[in-house]
Amino acid sequence: MNRRATLGMSFAELVMVRIGHAVGLLCLLFILPILPFIAVAAAVSALVRPDAETPEPTYRPDWAE
């Protein structure tokens, strides 16, 4: 943290800044290892998803004809 940025800040404000940095770091450490798996899942989902232009056949039982 920049020394000039901390001038005039109370102790509680400095503690809150440190807590904010710690929470941000924990979020990054939690999200970064999972991000490649999310990207692969999104790519596979986009490839497997059926085309919207071709409607899927509707099921009609024999008694409905």
PDB file of N, CA and C in Angstrom:
ATOM      1  N   MET A   1       0.850  -1.165   0.000  1.00  0.00           N
ATOM      2  CA  MET A   1       0.000   0.000   0.000  1.00  0.00           C
ATOM      3  C   MET A   1       0.899   1.232   0.000  1.00  0.00           C
ATOM      4  N   ASN A   2       0.493   2.235  -0.731  1.00  0.00           N
ATOM      5  CA  ASN A   2       1.268   3.459  -0.850  1.00  0.00           C
ATOM      6  C   ASN A   2       1.228   4.242   0.458  1.00  0.00           C
ATOM      7  N   ARG A   3       2.386   4.692   0.897  1.00  0.00           N
ATOM      8  CA  ARG A   3       2.463   5.457   2.155  1.00  0.00           C
ATOM      9  C   ARG A   3       1.647   6.736   2.062  1.00  0.00           C
ATOM     10  N   ARG A   4       1.678   7.400   0.913  1.00  0.00           N
ATOM     11  CA  ARG A   4       0.942   8.651   0.744  1.00  0.00           C
ATOM     12  C   ARG A   4      -0.566   8.405   0.801  1.00  0.00           C
ATOM     13  N   ALA A   5      -1.004   7.236   0.344  1.00  0.00           N
ATOM     14  CA  ALA A   5      -2.436   6.928   0.359  1.00  0.00           C
ATOM     15  C   ALA A   5      -2.938   6.668   1.767  1.00  0.00           C
ATOM     16  N   THR A   6      -2.047   6.299   2.689  1.00  0.00           N
ATOM     17  CA  THR A   6      -2.486   5.973   4.045  1.00  0.00           C
ATOM     18  C   THR A   6      -2.509   7.184   4.963  1.00  0.00           C
ATOM     19  N   LEU A   7      -1.972   8.301   4.526  1.00  0.00           N
ATOM     20  CA  LEU A   7      -1.970   9.492   5.382  1.00  0.00           C
ATOM     21  C   LEU A   7      -3.401   9.949   5.628  1.00  0.00           C
ATOM     22  N   GLY A   8      -3.734  10.192   6.863  1.00  0.00           N
ATOM     23  CA  GLY A   8      -5.068  10.650   7.214  1.00  0.00           C
ATOM     24  C   GLY A   8      -6.072   9.533   7.410  1.00  0.00           C
ATOM     25  N   MET A   9      -5.662   8.286   7.222  1.00  0.00           N
ATOM     26  CA  MET A   9      -6.586   7.178   7.432  1.00  0.00           C
ATOM     27  C   MET A   9      -6.485   6.717   8.880  1.00  0.00           C
ATOM     28  N   SER A  10      -7.619   6.380   9.436  1.00  0.00           N
ATOM     29  CA  SER A  10      -7.618   5.887  10.808  1.00  0.00           C
ATOM     30  C   SER A  10      -7.142   4.434  10.832  1.00  0.00           C
ATOM     31  N   PHE A  11      -6.894   3.944  12.022  1.00  0.00           N
ATOM     32  CA  PHE A  11      -6.448   2.560  12.173  1.00  0.00           C
ATOM     33  C   PHE A  11      -7.509   1.592  11.654  1.00  0.00           C
ATOM     34  N   ALA A  12      -8.781   1.887  11.934  1.00  0.00           N
ATOM     35  CA  ALA A  12      -9.866   1.011  11.479  1.00  0.00           C
ATOM     36  C   ALA A  12      -9.926   0.965   9.955  1.00  0.00           C
ATOM     37  N   GLU A  13      -9.700   2.111   9.315  1.00  0.00           N
ATOM     38  CA  GLU A  13      -9.708   2.128   7.854  1.00  0.00           C
ATOM     39  C   GLU A  13      -8.549   1.310   7.286  1.00  0.00           C
ATOM     40  N   LEU A  14      -7.391   1.407   7.922  1.00  0.00           N
ATOM     41  CA  LEU A  14      -6.245   0.617   7.476  1.00  0.00           C
ATOM     42  C   LEU A  14      -6.510  -0.879   7.638  1.00  0.00           C
ATOM     43  N   VAL A  15      -7.156  -1.247   8.753  1.00  0.00           N
ATOM     44  CA  VAL A  15      -7.494  -2.657   8.970  1.00  0.00           C
ATOM     45  C   VAL A  15      -8.481  -3.130   7.908  1.00  0.00           C
ATOM     46  N   MET A  16      -9.462  -2.300   7.576  1.00  0.00           N
ATOM     47  CA  MET A  16     -10.445  -2.679   6.566  1.00  0.00           C
ATOM     48  C   MET A  16      -9.790  -2.847   5.191  1.00  0.00           C
ATOM     49  N   VAL A  17      -8.804  -2.005   4.892  1.00  0.00           N
ATOM     50  CA  VAL A  17      -8.088  -2.143   3.621  1.00  0.00           C
ATOM     51  C   VAL A  17      -7.339  -3.467   3.590  1.00  0.00           C
ATOM     52  N   ARG A  18      -6.680  -3.800   4.689  1.00  0.00           N
ATOM     53  CA  ARG A  18      -5.950  -5.075   4.751  1.00  0.00           C
ATOM     54  C   ARG A  18      -6.900  -6.263   4.622  1.00  0.00           C
ATOM     55  N   ILE A  19      -8.054  -6.181   5.272  1.00  0.00           N
ATOM     56  CA  ILE A  19      -9.047  -7.257   5.168  1.00  0.00           C
ATOM     57  C   ILE A  19      -9.545  -7.375   3.726  1.00  0.00           C
ATOM     58  N   GLY A  20      -9.761  -6.236   3.086  1.00  0.00           N
ATOM     59  CA  GLY A  20     -10.187  -6.253   1.681  1.00  0.00           C
ATOM     60  C   GLY A  20      -9.161  -6.903   0.781  1.00  0.00           C
ATOM     61  N   HIS A  21      -7.892  -6.591   1.014  1.00  0.00           N
ATOM     62  CA  HIS A  21      -6.830  -7.221   0.227  1.00  0.00           C
ATOM     63  C   HIS A  21      -6.793  -8.729   0.468  1.00  0.00           C
ATOM     64  N   ALA A  22      -6.955  -9.139   1.716  1.00  0.00           N
ATOM     65  CA  ALA A  22      -6.919 -10.570   2.038  1.00  0.00           C
ATOM     66  C   ALA A  22      -8.089 -11.304   1.393  1.00  0.00           C
ATOM     67  N   VAL A  23      -9.274 -10.713   1.445  1.00  0.00           N
ATOM     68  CA  VAL A  23     -10.450 -11.352   0.841  1.00  0.00           C
ATOM     69  C   VAL A  23     -10.279 -11.437  -0.675  1.00  0.00           C
ATOM     70  N   GLY A  24      -9.774 -10.382  -1.285  1.00  0.00           N
ATOM     71  CA  GLY A  24      -9.528 -10.409  -2.726  1.00  0.00           C
ATOM     72  C   GLY A  24      -8.529 -11.475  -3.114  1.00  0.00           C
ATOM     73  N   LEU A  25      -7.469 -11.613  -2.326  1.00  0.00           N
ATOM     74  CA  LEU A  25      -6.459 -12.631  -2.598  1.00  0.00           C
ATOM     75  C   LEU A  25      -7.039 -14.036  -2.453  1.00  0.00           C
ATOM     76  N   LEU A  26      -7.846 -14.247  -1.416  1.00  0.00           N
ATOM     77  CA  LEU A  26      -8.468 -15.560  -1.231  1.00  0.00           C
ATOM     78  C   LEU A  26      -9.421 -15.892  -2.381  1.00  0.00           C
ATOM     79  N   CYS A  27     -10.160 -14.893  -2.855  1.00  0.00           N
ATOM     80  CA  CYS A  27     -11.053 -15.126  -3.996  1.00  0.00           C
ATOM     81  C   CYS A  27     -10.251 -15.525  -5.228  1.00  0.00           C
ATOM     82  N   LEU A  28      -9.141 -14.825  -5.477  1.00  0.00           N
ATOM     83  CA  LEU A  28      -8.305 -15.175  -6.625  1.00  0.00           C
ATOM     84  C   LEU A  28      -7.723 -16.575  -6.485  1.00  0.00           C
ATOM     85  N   LEU A  29      -7.255 -16.900  -5.301  1.00  0.00           N
ATOM     86  CA  LEU A  29      -6.670 -18.219  -5.091  1.00  0.00           C
ATOM     87  C   LEU A  29      -7.708 -19.326  -5.230  1.00  0.00           C
ATOM     88  N   PHE A  30      -8.970 -19.019  -4.950  1.00  0.00           N
ATOM     89  CA  PHE A  30     -10.027 -20.015  -5.078  1.00  0.00           C
ATOM     90  C   PHE A  30     -10.496 -20.139  -6.528  1.00  0.00           C
ATOM     91  N   ILE A  31     -10.599 -19.011  -7.241  1.00  0.00           N
ATOM     92  CA  ILE A  31     -11.175 -19.005  -8.588  1.00  0.00           C
ATOM     93  C   ILE A  31     -10.161 -19.441  -9.648  1.00  0.00           C
ATOM     94  N   LEU A  32      -8.910 -19.017  -9.519  1.00  0.00           N
ATOM     95  CA  LEU A  32      -7.936 -19.293 -10.576  1.00  0.00           C
ATOM     96  C   LEU A  32      -7.727 -20.783 -10.849  1.00  0.00           C
ATOM     97  N   PRO A  33      -7.638 -21.657  -9.850  1.00  0.00           N
ATOM     98  CA  PRO A  33      -7.475 -23.082 -10.180  1.00  0.00           C
ATOM     99  C   PRO A  33      -8.707 -23.700 -10.840  1.00  0.00           C
ATOM    100  N   ILE A  34      -9.881 -23.134 -10.605  1.00  0.00           N
ATOM    101  CA  ILE A  34     -11.120 -23.694 -11.147  1.00  0.00           C
ATOM    102  C   ILE A  34     -11.412 -23.153 -12.546  1.00  0.00           C
ATOM    103  N   LEU A  35     -10.852 -22.002 -12.890  1.00  0.00           N
ATOM    104  CA  LEU A  35     -11.167 -21.328 -14.146  1.00  0.00           C
ATOM    105  C   LEU A  35     -10.910 -22.178 -15.391  1.00  0.00           C
ATOM    106  N   PRO A  36      -9.819 -22.922 -15.503  1.00  0.00           N
ATOM    107  CA  PRO A  36      -9.642 -23.752 -16.709  1.00  0.00           C
ATOM    108  C   PRO A  36     -10.732 -24.811 -16.876  1.00  0.00           C
ATOM    109  N   PHE A  37     -11.187 -25.389 -15.781  1.00  0.00           N
ATOM    110  CA  PHE A  37     -12.247 -26.390 -15.873  1.00  0.00           C
ATOM    111  C   PHE A  37     -13.563 -25.759 -16.329  1.00  0.00           C
ATOM    112  N   ILE A  38     -13.842 -24.555 -15.860  1.00  0.00           N
ATOM    113  CA  ILE A  38     -15.057 -23.855 -16.289  1.00  0.00           C
ATOM    114  C   ILE A  38     -14.973 -23.530 -17.777  1.00  0.00           C
ATOM    115  N   ALA A  39     -13.800 -23.115 -18.244  1.00  0.00           N
ATOM    116  CA  ALA A  39     -13.625 -22.790 -19.661  1.00  0.00           C
ATOM    117  C   ALA A  39     -13.804 -24.030 -20.534  1.00  0.00           C
ATOM    118  N   VAL A  40     -13.243 -25.155 -20.113  1.00  0.00           N
ATOM    119  CA  VAL A  40     -13.391 -26.399 -20.881  1.00  0.00           C
ATOM    120  C   VAL A  40     -14.852 -26.841 -20.886  1.00  0.00           C
ATOM    121  N   ALA A  41     -15.521 -26.737 -19.757  1.00  0.00           N
ATOM    122  CA  ALA A  41     -16.935 -27.125 -19.695  1.00  0.00           C
ATOM    123  C   ALA A  41     -17.786 -26.242 -20.605  1.00  0.00           C
ATOM    124  N   ALA A  42     -17.494 -24.954 -20.654  1.00  0.00           N
ATOM    125  CA  ALA A  42     -18.247 -24.050 -21.530  1.00  0.00           C
ATOM    126  C   ALA A  42     -18.000 -24.383 -22.996  1.00  0.00           C
ATOM    127  N   ALA A  43     -16.755 -24.708 -23.346  1.00  0.00           N
ATOM    128  CA  ALA A  43     -16.445 -25.057 -24.737  1.00  0.00           C
ATOM    129  C   ALA A  43     -17.133 -26.358 -25.139  1.00  0.00           C
ATOM    130  N   VAL A  44     -17.100 -27.354 -24.277  1.00  0.00           N
ATOM    131  CA  VAL A  44     -17.752 -28.634 -24.580  1.00  0.00           C
ATOM    132  C   VAL A  44     -19.257 -28.443 -24.677  1.00  0.00           C
ATOM    133  N   SER A  45     -19.814 -27.638 -23.805  1.00  0.00           N
ATOM    134  CA  SER A  45     -21.251 -27.383 -23.837  1.00  0.00           C
ATOM    135  C   SER A  45     -21.650 -26.697 -25.141  1.00  0.00           C
ATOM    136  N   ALA A  46     -20.811 -25.774 -25.618  1.00  0.00           N
ATOM    137  CA  ALA A  46     -21.120 -25.087 -26.875  1.00  0.00           C
ATOM    138  C   ALA A  46     -21.032 -26.046 -28.060  1.00  0.00           C
ATOM    139  N   LEU A  47     -20.125 -27.011 -27.998  1.00  0.00           N
ATOM    140  CA  LEU A  47     -19.994 -27.965 -29.102  1.00  0.00           C
ATOM    141  C   LEU A  47     -21.104 -29.007 -29.094  1.00  0.00           C
ATOM    142  N   VAL A  48     -21.554 -29.403 -27.919  1.00  0.00           N
ATOM    143  CA  VAL A  48     -22.548 -30.466 -27.801  1.00  0.00           C
ATOM    144  C   VAL A  48     -23.964 -29.941 -27.982  1.00  0.00           C
ATOM    145  N   ARG A  49     -24.175 -28.662 -27.729  1.00  0.00           N
ATOM    146  CA  ARG A  49     -25.517 -28.081 -27.796  1.00  0.00           C
ATOM    147  C   ARG A  49     -26.101 -28.270 -29.198  1.00  0.00           C
ATOM    148  N   PRO A  50     -27.349 -28.717 -29.310  1.00  0.00           N
ATOM    149  CA  PRO A  50     -27.949 -28.905 -30.638  1.00  0.00           C
ATOM    150  C   PRO A  50     -28.213 -27.559 -31.313  1.00  0.00           C
ATOM    151  N   ASP A  51     -28.288 -27.592 -32.643  1.00  0.00           N
ATOM    152  CA  ASP A  51     -28.554 -26.366 -33.396  1.00  0.00           C
ATOM    153  C   ASP A  51     -29.958 -25.868 -33.102  1.00  0.00           C
ATOM    154  N   ALA A  52     -30.096 -24.559 -32.993  1.00  0.00           N
ATOM    155  CA  ALA A  52     -31.408 -23.975 -32.716  1.00  0.00           C
ATOM    156  C   ALA A  52     -32.260 -23.950 -33.974  1.00  0.00           C
ATOM    157  N   GLU A  53     -31.637 -24.042 -35.159  1.00  0.00           N
ATOM    158  CA  GLU A  53     -32.384 -23.951 -36.409  1.00  0.00           C
ATOM    159  C   GLU A  53     -33.193 -25.210 -36.690  1.00  0.00           C
ATOM    160  N   THR A  54     -32.698 -26.352 -36.257  1.00  0.00           N
ATOM    161  CA  THR A  54     -33.408 -27.604 -36.506  1.00  0.00           C
ATOM    162  C   THR A  54     -34.193 -27.987 -35.261  1.00  0.00           C
ATOM    163  N   PRO A  55     -35.501 -27.899 -35.317  1.00  0.00           N
ATOM    164  CA  PRO A  55     -36.287 -28.262 -34.128  1.00  0.00           C
ATOM    165  C   PRO A  55     -36.228 -29.764 -33.884  1.00  0.00           C
ATOM    166  N   GLU A  56     -36.219 -30.126 -32.651  1.00  0.00           N
ATOM    167  CA  GLU A  56     -36.195 -31.543 -32.302  1.00  0.00           C
ATOM    168  C   GLU A  56     -37.574 -32.140 -32.563  1.00  0.00           C
ATOM    169  N   PRO A  57     -37.615 -33.404 -32.957  1.00  0.00           N
ATOM    170  CA  PRO A  57     -38.918 -34.020 -33.216  1.00  0.00           C
ATOM    171  C   PRO A  57     -39.725 -34.131 -31.925  1.00  0.00           C
ATOM    172  N   THR A  58     -40.997 -33.880 -32.059  1.00  0.00           N
ATOM    173  CA  THR A  58     -41.863 -33.971 -30.886  1.00  0.00           C
ATOM    174  C   THR A  58     -42.387 -35.395 -30.774  1.00  0.00           C
ATOM    175  N   TYR A  59     -42.545 -35.838 -29.576  1.00  0.00           N
ATOM    176  CA  TYR A  59     -43.054 -37.189 -29.331  1.00  0.00           C
ATOM    177  C   TYR A  59     -44.573 -37.167 -29.382  1.00  0.00           C
ATOM    178  N   ARG A  60     -45.128 -37.997 -30.244  1.00  0.00           N
ATOM    179  CA  ARG A  60     -46.583 -38.150 -30.305  1.00  0.00           C
ATOM    180  C   ARG A  60     -46.895 -39.623 -30.110  1.00  0.00           C
ATOM    181  N   PRO A  61     -47.594 -39.945 -29.057  1.00  0.00           N
ATOM    182  CA  PRO A  61     -47.940 -41.357 -28.841  1.00  0.00           C
ATOM    183  C   PRO A  61     -48.895 -41.852 -29.929  1.00  0.00           C
ATOM    184  N   ASP A  62     -48.966 -43.172 -30.071  1.00  0.00           N
ATOM    185  CA  ASP A  62     -49.801 -43.778 -31.118  1.00  0.00           C
ATOM    186  C   ASP A  62     -51.272 -43.426 -30.958  1.00  0.00           C
ATOM    187  N   TRP A  63     -51.744 -43.313 -29.720  1.00  0.00           N
ATOM    188  CA  TRP A  63     -53.164 -43.054 -29.513  1.00  0.00           C
ATOM    189  C   TRP A  63     -53.547 -41.618 -29.855  1.00  0.00           C
ATOM    190  N   ALA A  64     -52.577 -40.730 -30.044  1.00  0.00           N
ATOM    191  CA  ALA A  64     -52.890 -39.333 -30.335  1.00  0.00           C
ATOM    192  C   ALA A  64     -53.154 -39.115 -31.821  1.00  0.00           C
ATOM    193  N   GLU A  65     -52.880 -40.110 -32.666  1.00  0.00           N
ATOM    194  CA  GLU A  65     -53.086 -39.922 -34.112  1.00  0.00           C
ATOM    195  C   GLU A  65     -54.513 -40.167 -34.515  1.00  0.00           C
TER     196      GLU A  65
END
